[in-house]
Amino acid sequence: MPNSMPDVANQTQAQTEGTLDWVGMSNIEVPIMVAASDASERPVAAHVEAFVNLKDPKAKGIHMSRLYLLLDQLSTEGELSHASLKKLLHDFIESHQDISDRAFIKFDFDYHLRRESLISRKKGWKAYPVSLTGRYDEGHLNLELAVDVPYSSTCPCSAALARQLIQEAFDEKFAGQESVDKATIHQWLGSTEGIVATPHSQRSTAQVKVALSDTVEEFPIVALVDAIENALKTPVQAAVKREDEQEFARLNGQNLMFCEDASRRLQHALNQMPIFEDFWVRVNHYESLHAHDAVSVTTKGVKGGYSS
């Protein structure tokens, strides 16, 4: 092995001078422990993006291995928390003292939660796609938590049209009869002849991003998921028995919603949570009637914050 090895990044000038907003790596695969409030710390398999800026227009490039090794150290010796993420970004800048003064990192992973079914109380795993993003700029940390939550949405319009068809079927079935006994109606309602139409439902997804306040020490992943599911009331289920499926059908029938309704429910729920300084919500209803999707986007409305 030679006594010295060439260091092109340090010893060579840029071919063309200019500053760069971000330079680094994406799709880094690392296991890491995540510290979340209301849950025990747990390992996740994360895909990571790590960047610093290049403020020196003459510098050839950054030292990518330094970013990787700092991330690896957190993966093997620590846990992902508010404090450790802030320190990691600070260390990114310190490792590039003369050429960088901003840092960015993003962790994407599935966060598994044990979720209880509606009636039988059977439990099963649900995986929620989560992103944690940190940006360190001029001594200020911006921290963002994002999660995707699937749920079921039943169209109010199709429900009204289905009810109309059921009423028409009732009139046709019992036309000319001045009175009908309860048992006959009860039996008819339980038949396919009685319920001639059902409203259409579709799997839907709420994509939510929140800006975390500086008071947050552990990531409120569970609190955010719970807030979303409680507001929408029809989250997709894990373990399901017949009584759970029946309750799910009831909840869909009692929570008819267009995408606008879902967005407003989430807007109201998130406005009640002061740990979120700002939020961005996109509701996607993957239509079963149409070939296209129904979408609604809303934000908290913070000046200089998220925009739709």
C-alpha atoms as a PDB file:
ATOM      1  CA  MET A   1       0.000   0.000   0.000  1.00  0.00           C
ATOM      2  CA  PRO A   2       1.427   3.435  -0.904  1.00  0.00           C
ATOM      3  CA  ASN A   3       2.347   5.825   1.911  1.00  0.00           C
ATOM      4  CA  SER A   4      -0.057   8.460   0.592  1.00  0.00           C
ATOM      5  CA  MET A   5      -3.137   8.220  -1.588  1.00  0.00           C
ATOM      6  CA  PRO A   6      -4.500  10.935  -3.879  1.00  0.00           C
ATOM      7  CA  ASP A   7      -7.346  13.023  -2.446  1.00  0.00           C
ATOM      8  CA  VAL A   8      -9.046  14.511  -5.485  1.00  0.00           C
ATOM      9  CA  ALA A   9     -11.769  16.268  -3.454  1.00  0.00           C
ATOM     10  CA  ASN A  10      -9.193  18.167  -1.377  1.00  0.00           C
ATOM     11  CA  GLN A  11      -6.374  18.638  -3.843  1.00  0.00           C
ATOM     12  CA  THR A  12      -8.239  19.421  -7.062  1.00  0.00           C
ATOM     13  CA  GLN A  13     -10.147  22.567  -7.920  1.00  0.00           C
ATOM     14  CA  ALA A  14     -13.623  22.474  -9.448  1.00  0.00           C
ATOM     15  CA  GLN A  15     -13.621  22.287 -13.247  1.00  0.00           C
ATOM     16  CA  THR A  16     -16.327  24.964 -13.259  1.00  0.00           C
ATOM     17  CA  GLU A  17     -16.776  27.196 -10.231  1.00  0.00           C
ATOM     18  CA  GLY A  18     -20.149  27.427  -8.520  1.00  0.00           C
ATOM     19  CA  THR A  19     -21.984  26.782  -5.251  1.00  0.00           C
ATOM     20  CA  LEU A  20     -24.382  23.827  -4.950  1.00  0.00           C
ATOM     21  CA  ASP A  21     -27.556  23.623  -2.862  1.00  0.00           C
ATOM     22  CA  TRP A  22     -27.179  19.974  -1.855  1.00  0.00           C
ATOM     23  CA  VAL A  23     -24.650  17.210  -2.419  1.00  0.00           C
ATOM     24  CA  GLY A  24     -24.721  13.786  -0.819  1.00  0.00           C
ATOM     25  CA  MET A  25     -26.284  10.347  -1.044  1.00  0.00           C
ATOM     26  CA  SER A  26     -29.741   8.826  -1.359  1.00  0.00           C
ATOM     27  CA  ASN A  27     -31.160   5.345  -0.884  1.00  0.00           C
ATOM     28  CA  ILE A  28     -28.713   4.437   1.917  1.00  0.00           C
ATOM     29  CA  GLU A  29     -30.005   1.290   3.610  1.00  0.00           C
ATOM     30  CA  VAL A  30     -29.517   1.188   7.384  1.00  0.00           C
ATOM     31  CA  PRO A  31     -31.197  -0.481  10.361  1.00  0.00           C
ATOM     32  CA  ILE A  32     -31.846   1.996  13.142  1.00  0.00           C
ATOM     33  CA  MET A  33     -33.635   2.203  16.482  1.00  0.00           C
ATOM     34  CA  VAL A  34     -36.466   4.738  16.566  1.00  0.00           C
ATOM     35  CA  ALA A  35     -37.506   6.421  19.803  1.00  0.00           C
ATOM     36  CA  ALA A  36     -41.184   7.361  19.574  1.00  0.00           C
ATOM     37  CA  SER A  37     -43.504   8.679  22.255  1.00  0.00           C
ATOM     38  CA  ASP A  38     -46.252   6.289  23.457  1.00  0.00           C
ATOM     39  CA  ALA A  39     -44.285   3.295  22.182  1.00  0.00           C
ATOM     40  CA  SER A  40     -41.146   1.392  23.078  1.00  0.00           C
ATOM     41  CA  GLU A  41     -38.097   2.050  20.927  1.00  0.00           C
ATOM     42  CA  ARG A  42     -37.910  -0.375  18.038  1.00  0.00           C
ATOM     43  CA  PRO A  43     -35.663  -1.245  15.098  1.00  0.00           C
ATOM     44  CA  VAL A  44     -36.703  -0.258  11.590  1.00  0.00           C
ATOM     45  CA  ALA A  45     -35.134  -0.775   8.173  1.00  0.00           C
ATOM     46  CA  ALA A  46     -34.663   2.742   6.825  1.00  0.00           C
ATOM     47  CA  HIS A  47     -33.738   4.230   3.495  1.00  0.00           C
ATOM     48  CA  VAL A  48     -31.859   7.466   4.043  1.00  0.00           C
ATOM     49  CA  GLU A  49     -30.949  10.603   2.131  1.00  0.00           C
ATOM     50  CA  ALA A  50     -28.028  12.635   3.538  1.00  0.00           C
ATOM     51  CA  PHE A  51     -26.825  15.961   2.149  1.00  0.00           C
ATOM     52  CA  VAL A  52     -24.785  19.056   2.877  1.00  0.00           C
ATOM     53  CA  ASN A  53     -24.503  22.166   0.740  1.00  0.00           C
ATOM     54  CA  LEU A  54     -21.323  23.149  -1.076  1.00  0.00           C
ATOM     55  CA  LYS A  55     -20.792  26.838  -0.351  1.00  0.00           C
ATOM     56  CA  ASP A  56     -17.200  27.030  -1.628  1.00  0.00           C
ATOM     57  CA  PRO A  57     -17.454  27.610  -5.390  1.00  0.00           C
ATOM     58  CA  LYS A  58     -13.884  26.362  -5.923  1.00  0.00           C
ATOM     59  CA  ALA A  59     -14.157  23.126  -3.928  1.00  0.00           C
ATOM     60  CA  LYS A  60     -14.165  19.982  -6.054  1.00  0.00           C
ATOM     61  CA  GLY A  61     -16.716  18.180  -3.884  1.00  0.00           C
ATOM     62  CA  ILE A  62     -17.785  17.055  -0.426  1.00  0.00           C
ATOM     63  CA  HIS A  63     -16.557  14.074   1.621  1.00  0.00           C
ATOM     64  CA  MET A  64     -19.428  11.616   1.232  1.00  0.00           C
ATOM     65  CA  SER A  65     -17.749   8.936   3.331  1.00  0.00           C
ATOM     66  CA  ARG A  66     -17.851  11.259   6.340  1.00  0.00           C
ATOM     67  CA  LEU A  67     -21.626  11.567   6.069  1.00  0.00           C
ATOM     68  CA  TYR A  68     -21.993   7.822   5.704  1.00  0.00           C
ATOM     69  CA  LEU A  69     -19.777   7.013   8.692  1.00  0.00           C
ATOM     70  CA  LEU A  70     -21.618   9.458  10.940  1.00  0.00           C
ATOM     71  CA  LEU A  71     -24.917   7.873   9.927  1.00  0.00           C
ATOM     72  CA  ASP A  72     -23.473   4.407  10.482  1.00  0.00           C
ATOM     73  CA  GLN A  73     -22.322   5.408  13.959  1.00  0.00           C
ATOM     74  CA  LEU A  74     -25.867   6.487  14.857  1.00  0.00           C
ATOM     75  CA  SER A  75     -27.203   3.227  13.438  1.00  0.00           C
ATOM     76  CA  THR A  76     -24.874   1.007  15.466  1.00  0.00           C
ATOM     77  CA  GLU A  77     -24.392   3.001  18.673  1.00  0.00           C
ATOM     78  CA  GLY A  78     -27.487   5.149  19.189  1.00  0.00           C
ATOM     79  CA  GLU A  79     -31.147   5.673  18.465  1.00  0.00           C
ATOM     80  CA  LEU A  80     -33.045   8.088  16.273  1.00  0.00           C
ATOM     81  CA  SER A  81     -34.540  10.846  18.433  1.00  0.00           C
ATOM     82  CA  HIS A  82     -34.977  14.608  18.255  1.00  0.00           C
ATOM     83  CA  ALA A  83     -31.648  15.138  20.032  1.00  0.00           C
ATOM     84  CA  SER A  84     -29.661  12.585  18.020  1.00  0.00           C
ATOM     85  CA  LEU A  85     -31.031  13.838  14.708  1.00  0.00           C
ATOM     86  CA  LYS A  86     -30.069  17.402  15.585  1.00  0.00           C
ATOM     87  CA  LYS A  87     -26.570  16.266  16.601  1.00  0.00           C
ATOM     88  CA  LEU A  88     -26.182  14.229  13.405  1.00  0.00           C
ATOM     89  CA  LEU A  89     -26.947  17.257  11.250  1.00  0.00           C
ATOM     90  CA  HIS A  90     -24.550  19.396  13.300  1.00  0.00           C
ATOM     91  CA  ASP A  91     -21.839  16.740  12.853  1.00  0.00           C
ATOM     92  CA  PHE A  92     -22.479  16.719   9.085  1.00  0.00           C
ATOM     93  CA  ILE A  93     -21.613  20.417   9.006  1.00  0.00           C
ATOM     94  CA  GLU A  94     -18.673  20.084  11.393  1.00  0.00           C
ATOM     95  CA  SER A  95     -17.178  17.397   9.158  1.00  0.00           C
ATOM     96  CA  HIS A  96     -17.273  19.884   6.260  1.00  0.00           C
ATOM     97  CA  GLN A  97     -16.328  23.036   8.175  1.00  0.00           C
ATOM     98  CA  ASP A  98     -14.854  25.108   5.379  1.00  0.00           C
ATOM     99  CA  ILE A  99     -17.179  24.155   2.552  1.00  0.00           C
ATOM    100  CA  SER A 100     -20.665  23.556   4.086  1.00  0.00           C
ATOM    101  CA  ASP A 101     -22.980  25.358   6.495  1.00  0.00           C
ATOM    102  CA  ARG A 102     -26.296  23.549   5.883  1.00  0.00           C
ATOM    103  CA  ALA A 103     -27.320  19.912   6.293  1.00  0.00           C
ATOM    104  CA  PHE A 104     -30.308  17.728   5.402  1.00  0.00           C
ATOM    105  CA  ILE A 105     -31.340  14.177   6.229  1.00  0.00           C
ATOM    106  CA  LYS A 106     -34.430  12.089   5.568  1.00  0.00           C
ATOM    107  CA  PHE A 107     -35.339   8.657   6.948  1.00  0.00           C
ATOM    108  CA  ASP A 108     -38.037   6.588   5.184  1.00  0.00           C
ATOM    109  CA  PHE A 109     -39.280   3.409   6.867  1.00  0.00           C
ATOM    110  CA  ASP A 110     -42.340   1.333   7.723  1.00  0.00           C
ATOM    111  CA  TYR A 111     -43.445   1.712  11.327  1.00  0.00           C
ATOM    112  CA  HIS A 112     -45.366  -1.345  12.547  1.00  0.00           C
ATOM    113  CA  LEU A 113     -48.110  -1.008  15.142  1.00  0.00           C
ATOM    114  CA  ARG A 114     -50.259  -3.631  16.829  1.00  0.00           C
ATOM    115  CA  ARG A 115     -53.851  -2.617  16.094  1.00  0.00           C
ATOM    116  CA  GLU A 116     -56.954  -4.027  17.765  1.00  0.00           C
ATOM    117  CA  SER A 117     -59.990  -5.072  15.746  1.00  0.00           C
ATOM    118  CA  LEU A 118     -63.311  -3.295  16.225  1.00  0.00           C
ATOM    119  CA  ILE A 119     -65.393  -5.844  18.173  1.00  0.00           C
ATOM    120  CA  SER A 120     -63.512  -9.128  18.693  1.00  0.00           C
ATOM    121  CA  ARG A 121     -60.430  -7.238  19.946  1.00  0.00           C
ATOM    122  CA  LYS A 122     -58.127  -9.526  17.989  1.00  0.00           C
ATOM    123  CA  LYS A 123     -54.783  -7.883  17.271  1.00  0.00           C
ATOM    124  CA  GLY A 124     -52.661  -7.728  14.145  1.00  0.00           C
ATOM    125  CA  TRP A 125     -49.771  -5.753  12.675  1.00  0.00           C
ATOM    126  CA  LYS A 126     -50.261  -2.728  10.450  1.00  0.00           C
ATOM    127  CA  ALA A 127     -47.358  -1.062   8.672  1.00  0.00           C
ATOM    128  CA  TYR A 128     -47.451   2.712   8.291  1.00  0.00           C
ATOM    129  CA  PRO A 129     -45.023   4.369   5.836  1.00  0.00           C
ATOM    130  CA  VAL A 130     -43.197   7.072   7.816  1.00  0.00           C
ATOM    131  CA  SER A 131     -40.717   9.792   6.835  1.00  0.00           C
ATOM    132  CA  LEU A 132     -38.613  11.790   9.277  1.00  0.00           C
ATOM    133  CA  THR A 133     -36.867  14.792   7.758  1.00  0.00           C
ATOM    134  CA  GLY A 134     -34.397  17.157   9.390  1.00  0.00           C
ATOM    135  CA  ARG A 135     -32.878  20.309   7.956  1.00  0.00           C
ATOM    136  CA  TYR A 136     -30.237  22.381   9.749  1.00  0.00           C
ATOM    137  CA  ASP A 137     -29.781  25.893   8.428  1.00  0.00           C
ATOM    138  CA  GLU A 138     -28.161  28.891  10.134  1.00  0.00           C
ATOM    139  CA  GLY A 139     -28.363  27.225  13.529  1.00  0.00           C
ATOM    140  CA  HIS A 140     -32.065  26.396  13.229  1.00  0.00           C
ATOM    141  CA  LEU A 141     -33.474  22.870  13.030  1.00  0.00           C
ATOM    142  CA  ASN A 142     -36.598  22.191  10.981  1.00  0.00           C
ATOM    143  CA  LEU A 143     -38.053  18.788  11.786  1.00  0.00           C
ATOM    144  CA  GLU A 144     -40.861  17.128   9.846  1.00  0.00           C
ATOM    145  CA  LEU A 145     -42.821  13.933  10.445  1.00  0.00           C
ATOM    146  CA  ALA A 146     -44.881  12.431   7.626  1.00  0.00           C
ATOM    147  CA  VAL A 147     -47.103   9.350   7.588  1.00  0.00           C
ATOM    148  CA  ASP A 148     -49.496   7.622   5.186  1.00  0.00           C
ATOM    149  CA  VAL A 149     -52.673   6.166   6.724  1.00  0.00           C
ATOM    150  CA  PRO A 150     -55.061   3.967   4.695  1.00  0.00           C
ATOM    151  CA  TYR A 151     -58.803   4.052   5.345  1.00  0.00           C
ATOM    152  CA  SER A 152     -62.132   3.301   3.683  1.00  0.00           C
ATOM    153  CA  SER A 153     -64.362   6.017   2.234  1.00  0.00           C
ATOM    154  CA  THR A 154     -67.999   5.528   1.238  1.00  0.00           C
ATOM    155  CA  CYS A 155     -69.528   7.969  -1.240  1.00  0.00           C
ATOM    156  CA  PRO A 156     -72.483   9.978   0.143  1.00  0.00           C
ATOM    157  CA  CYS A 157     -73.921  10.402  -3.353  1.00  0.00           C
ATOM    158  CA  SER A 158     -73.969   6.681  -4.113  1.00  0.00           C
ATOM    159  CA  ALA A 159     -75.436   5.996  -0.653  1.00  0.00           C
ATOM    160  CA  ALA A 160     -78.361   8.345  -1.382  1.00  0.00           C
ATOM    161  CA  LEU A 161     -78.908   6.745  -4.800  1.00  0.00           C
ATOM    162  CA  ALA A 162     -78.821   3.256  -3.251  1.00  0.00           C
ATOM    163  CA  ARG A 163     -81.388   4.279  -0.614  1.00  0.00           C
ATOM    164  CA  GLN A 164     -83.659   5.596  -3.370  1.00  0.00           C
ATOM    165  CA  LEU A 165     -83.508   2.265  -5.219  1.00  0.00           C
ATOM    166  CA  ILE A 166     -84.313   0.405  -1.999  1.00  0.00           C
ATOM    167  CA  GLN A 167     -87.343   2.663  -1.436  1.00  0.00           C
ATOM    168  CA  GLU A 168     -88.524   2.052  -5.005  1.00  0.00           C
ATOM    169  CA  ALA A 169     -88.078  -1.700  -4.564  1.00  0.00           C
ATOM    170  CA  PHE A 170     -90.128  -1.522  -1.350  1.00  0.00           C
ATOM    171  CA  ASP A 171     -92.930   0.370  -3.100  1.00  0.00           C
ATOM    172  CA  GLU A 172     -92.947  -2.159  -5.939  1.00  0.00           C
ATOM    173  CA  LYS A 173     -92.868  -5.177  -3.626  1.00  0.00           C
ATOM    174  CA  PHE A 174     -95.688  -4.040  -1.392  1.00  0.00           C
ATOM    175  CA  ALA A 175     -97.723  -2.039  -3.911  1.00  0.00           C
ATOM    176  CA  GLY A 176    -101.449  -2.129  -3.227  1.00  0.00           C
ATOM    177  CA  GLN A 177    -101.068  -3.431   0.332  1.00  0.00           C
ATOM    178  CA  GLU A 178    -102.571  -1.108   2.914  1.00  0.00           C
ATOM    179  CA  SER A 179    -100.599  -2.690   5.745  1.00  0.00           C
ATOM    180  CA  VAL A 180     -97.629  -5.043   5.967  1.00  0.00           C
ATOM    181  CA  ASP A 181     -96.669  -6.916   9.102  1.00  0.00           C
ATOM    182  CA  LYS A 182     -93.281  -6.293  10.703  1.00  0.00           C
ATOM    183  CA  ALA A 183     -92.050  -9.879  10.228  1.00  0.00           C
ATOM    184  CA  THR A 184     -92.598  -9.719   6.456  1.00  0.00           C
ATOM    185  CA  ILE A 185     -90.704  -6.431   6.169  1.00  0.00           C
ATOM    186  CA  HIS A 186     -87.920  -7.754   8.390  1.00  0.00           C
ATOM    187  CA  GLN A 187     -87.497 -10.841   6.190  1.00  0.00           C
ATOM    188  CA  TRP A 188     -87.596  -8.758   3.006  1.00  0.00           C
ATOM    189  CA  LEU A 189     -84.932  -6.340   4.270  1.00  0.00           C
ATOM    190  CA  GLY A 190     -82.623  -9.292   4.907  1.00  0.00           C
ATOM    191  CA  SER A 191     -82.823 -10.510   1.306  1.00  0.00           C
ATOM    192  CA  THR A 192     -80.975  -9.485  -1.835  1.00  0.00           C
ATOM    193  CA  GLU A 193     -84.370  -8.556  -3.238  1.00  0.00           C
ATOM    194  CA  GLY A 194     -84.767  -6.032  -0.439  1.00  0.00           C
ATOM    195  CA  ILE A 195     -81.295  -4.484  -0.500  1.00  0.00           C
ATOM    196  CA  VAL A 196     -81.117  -4.058  -4.267  1.00  0.00           C
ATOM    197  CA  ALA A 197     -78.202  -1.610  -4.228  1.00  0.00           C
ATOM    198  CA  THR A 198     -75.233  -0.709  -2.049  1.00  0.00           C
ATOM    199  CA  PRO A 199     -73.111   2.446  -2.072  1.00  0.00           C
ATOM    200  CA  HIS A 200     -69.603   2.231  -3.461  1.00  0.00           C
ATOM    201  CA  SER A 201     -66.610   2.437  -1.153  1.00  0.00           C
ATOM    202  CA  GLN A 202     -62.928   2.620  -1.926  1.00  0.00           C
ATOM    203  CA  ARG A 203     -59.642   2.254  -0.144  1.00  0.00           C
ATOM    204  CA  SER A 204     -58.265   5.714   0.479  1.00  0.00           C
ATOM    205  CA  THR A 205     -55.063   7.219   1.835  1.00  0.00           C
ATOM    206  CA  ALA A 206     -54.392  10.248   4.000  1.00  0.00           C
ATOM    207  CA  GLN A 207     -50.910  11.628   3.417  1.00  0.00           C
ATOM    208  CA  VAL A 208     -50.024  13.912   6.316  1.00  0.00           C
ATOM    209  CA  LYS A 209     -46.914  16.006   7.001  1.00  0.00           C
ATOM    210  CA  VAL A 210     -46.457  17.913  10.256  1.00  0.00           C
ATOM    211  CA  ALA A 211     -43.795  20.366  11.385  1.00  0.00           C
ATOM    212  CA  LEU A 212     -42.719  19.465  14.925  1.00  0.00           C
ATOM    213  CA  SER A 213     -42.174  22.063  17.608  1.00  0.00           C
ATOM    214  CA  ASP A 214     -38.830  22.364  19.407  1.00  0.00           C
ATOM    215  CA  THR A 215     -40.427  20.968  22.576  1.00  0.00           C
ATOM    216  CA  VAL A 216     -40.752  17.505  21.042  1.00  0.00           C
ATOM    217  CA  GLU A 217     -38.151  15.061  22.393  1.00  0.00           C
ATOM    218  CA  GLU A 218     -39.469  11.806  20.938  1.00  0.00           C
ATOM    219  CA  PHE A 219     -41.341  11.467  17.680  1.00  0.00           C
ATOM    220  CA  PRO A 220     -45.166  11.466  18.087  1.00  0.00           C
ATOM    221  CA  ILE A 221     -45.720   8.801  15.443  1.00  0.00           C
ATOM    222  CA  VAL A 222     -48.417   6.927  17.353  1.00  0.00           C
ATOM    223  CA  ALA A 223     -50.210  10.128  18.370  1.00  0.00           C
ATOM    224  CA  LEU A 224     -50.333  11.307  14.758  1.00  0.00           C
ATOM    225  CA  VAL A 225     -51.608   7.959  13.430  1.00  0.00           C
ATOM    226  CA  ASP A 226     -54.231   7.782  16.196  1.00  0.00           C
ATOM    227  CA  ALA A 227     -55.395  11.339  15.483  1.00  0.00           C
ATOM    228  CA  ILE A 228     -55.825  10.565  11.782  1.00  0.00           C
ATOM    229  CA  GLU A 229     -57.636   7.269  12.306  1.00  0.00           C
ATOM    230  CA  ASN A 230     -59.902   8.673  15.037  1.00  0.00           C
ATOM    231  CA  ALA A 231     -60.882  11.595  12.819  1.00  0.00           C
ATOM    232  CA  LEU A 232     -61.695   9.434   9.800  1.00  0.00           C
ATOM    233  CA  LYS A 233     -63.267   6.581  11.833  1.00  0.00           C
ATOM    234  CA  THR A 234     -62.874   3.933   9.108  1.00  0.00           C
ATOM    235  CA  PRO A 235     -59.204   2.838   9.144  1.00  0.00           C
ATOM    236  CA  VAL A 236     -58.414  -0.399   7.326  1.00  0.00           C
ATOM    237  CA  GLN A 237     -58.243  -3.375   9.648  1.00  0.00           C
ATOM    238  CA  ALA A 238     -55.660  -6.054  10.457  1.00  0.00           C
ATOM    239  CA  ALA A 239     -57.169  -9.137  12.155  1.00  0.00           C
ATOM    240  CA  VAL A 240     -60.873  -9.412  11.264  1.00  0.00           C
ATOM    241  CA  LYS A 241     -63.678 -11.733  12.429  1.00  0.00           C
ATOM    242  CA  ARG A 242     -67.251 -11.575  11.094  1.00  0.00           C
ATOM    243  CA  GLU A 243     -68.375  -9.256  13.884  1.00  0.00           C
ATOM    244  CA  ASP A 244     -65.513  -6.905  13.011  1.00  0.00           C
ATOM    245  CA  GLU A 245     -66.473  -6.876   9.344  1.00  0.00           C
ATOM    246  CA  GLN A 246     -70.067  -6.084  10.279  1.00  0.00           C
ATOM    247  CA  GLU A 247     -68.952  -3.212  12.514  1.00  0.00           C
ATOM    248  CA  PHE A 248     -66.700  -1.950   9.722  1.00  0.00           C
ATOM    249  CA  ALA A 249     -69.710  -1.911   7.391  1.00  0.00           C
ATOM    250  CA  ARG A 250     -71.695   0.014  10.017  1.00  0.00           C
ATOM    251  CA  LEU A 251     -68.915   2.571  10.468  1.00  0.00           C
ATOM    252  CA  ASN A 252     -68.727   3.092   6.703  1.00  0.00           C
ATOM    253  CA  GLY A 253     -72.484   3.616   6.568  1.00  0.00           C
ATOM    254  CA  GLN A 254     -72.393   6.136   9.412  1.00  0.00           C
ATOM    255  CA  ASN A 255     -69.334   8.011   8.122  1.00  0.00           C
ATOM    256  CA  LEU A 256     -70.154   8.790   4.517  1.00  0.00           C
ATOM    257  CA  MET A 257     -67.589  11.207   3.129  1.00  0.00           C
ATOM    258  CA  PHE A 258     -66.350  12.903   0.031  1.00  0.00           C
ATOM    259  CA  CYS A 259     -62.630  13.717  -0.093  1.00  0.00           C
ATOM    260  CA  GLU A 260     -63.537  17.255   1.024  1.00  0.00           C
ATOM    261  CA  ASP A 261     -65.158  15.868   4.184  1.00  0.00           C
ATOM    262  CA  ALA A 262     -62.113  13.762   4.994  1.00  0.00           C
ATOM    263  CA  SER A 263     -59.757  16.735   4.531  1.00  0.00           C
ATOM    264  CA  ARG A 264     -61.828  18.935   6.831  1.00  0.00           C
ATOM    265  CA  ARG A 265     -61.981  16.252   9.511  1.00  0.00           C
ATOM    266  CA  LEU A 266     -58.199  15.991   9.497  1.00  0.00           C
ATOM    267  CA  GLN A 267     -57.789  19.753   9.391  1.00  0.00           C
ATOM    268  CA  HIS A 268     -59.938  20.102  12.504  1.00  0.00           C
ATOM    269  CA  ALA A 269     -58.178  17.279  14.363  1.00  0.00           C
ATOM    270  CA  LEU A 270     -54.663  18.555  13.660  1.00  0.00           C
ATOM    271  CA  ASN A 271     -55.585  22.097  14.638  1.00  0.00           C
ATOM    272  CA  GLN A 272     -56.230  20.757  18.150  1.00  0.00           C
ATOM    273  CA  MET A 273     -52.651  19.454  18.512  1.00  0.00           C
ATOM    274  CA  PRO A 274     -50.206  22.233  19.542  1.00  0.00           C
ATOM    275  CA  ILE A 275     -47.132  19.993  19.120  1.00  0.00           C
ATOM    276  CA  PHE A 276     -47.635  20.421  15.367  1.00  0.00           C
ATOM    277  CA  GLU A 277     -46.606  23.927  14.340  1.00  0.00           C
ATOM    278  CA  ASP A 278     -47.824  23.382  10.800  1.00  0.00           C
ATOM    279  CA  PHE A 279     -49.396  20.623   8.726  1.00  0.00           C
ATOM    280  CA  TRP A 280     -50.051  19.585   5.140  1.00  0.00           C
ATOM    281  CA  VAL A 281     -52.748  17.048   4.259  1.00  0.00           C
ATOM    282  CA  ARG A 282     -53.498  15.295   0.986  1.00  0.00           C
ATOM    283  CA  VAL A 283     -56.495  12.976   0.860  1.00  0.00           C
ATOM    284  CA  ASN A 284     -56.643  10.439  -1.980  1.00  0.00           C
ATOM    285  CA  HIS A 285     -59.848   8.519  -2.698  1.00  0.00           C
ATOM    286  CA  TYR A 286     -58.974   5.790  -5.190  1.00  0.00           C
ATOM    287  CA  GLU A 287     -62.340   5.712  -6.907  1.00  0.00           C
ATOM    288  CA  SER A 288     -64.191   2.468  -7.549  1.00  0.00           C
ATOM    289  CA  LEU A 289     -66.694   4.257  -9.797  1.00  0.00           C
ATOM    290  CA  HIS A 290     -64.268   6.342 -11.872  1.00  0.00           C
ATOM    291  CA  ALA A 291     -60.966   5.527 -13.512  1.00  0.00           C
ATOM    292  CA  HIS A 292     -59.495   8.629 -11.875  1.00  0.00           C
ATOM    293  CA  ASP A 293     -58.980   9.542  -8.203  1.00  0.00           C
ATOM    294  CA  ALA A 294     -60.656  12.187  -6.048  1.00  0.00           C
ATOM    295  CA  VAL A 295     -58.134  14.372  -4.203  1.00  0.00           C
ATOM    296  CA  SER A 296     -58.243  17.166  -1.638  1.00  0.00           C
ATOM    297  CA  VAL A 297     -55.300  19.132  -0.197  1.00  0.00           C
ATOM    298  CA  THR A 298     -55.260  21.435   2.815  1.00  0.00           C
ATOM    299  CA  THR A 299     -52.749  23.109   5.118  1.00  0.00           C
ATOM    300  CA  LYS A 300     -52.786  24.850   8.501  1.00  0.00           C
ATOM    301  CA  GLY A 301     -52.347  28.208   6.807  1.00  0.00           C
ATOM    302  CA  VAL A 302     -49.177  29.318   8.585  1.00  0.00           C
ATOM    303  CA  LYS A 303     -47.520  32.309   6.933  1.00  0.00           C
ATOM    304  CA  GLY A 304     -44.365  31.090   5.230  1.00  0.00           C
ATOM    305  CA  GLY A 305     -45.272  27.478   6.039  1.00  0.00           C
ATOM    306  CA  TYR A 306     -46.642  24.611   3.985  1.00  0.00           C
ATOM    307  CA  SER A 307     -48.516  25.526   0.812  1.00  0.00           C
ATOM    308  CA  SER A 308     -50.930  23.459  -1.188  1.00  0.00           C
END
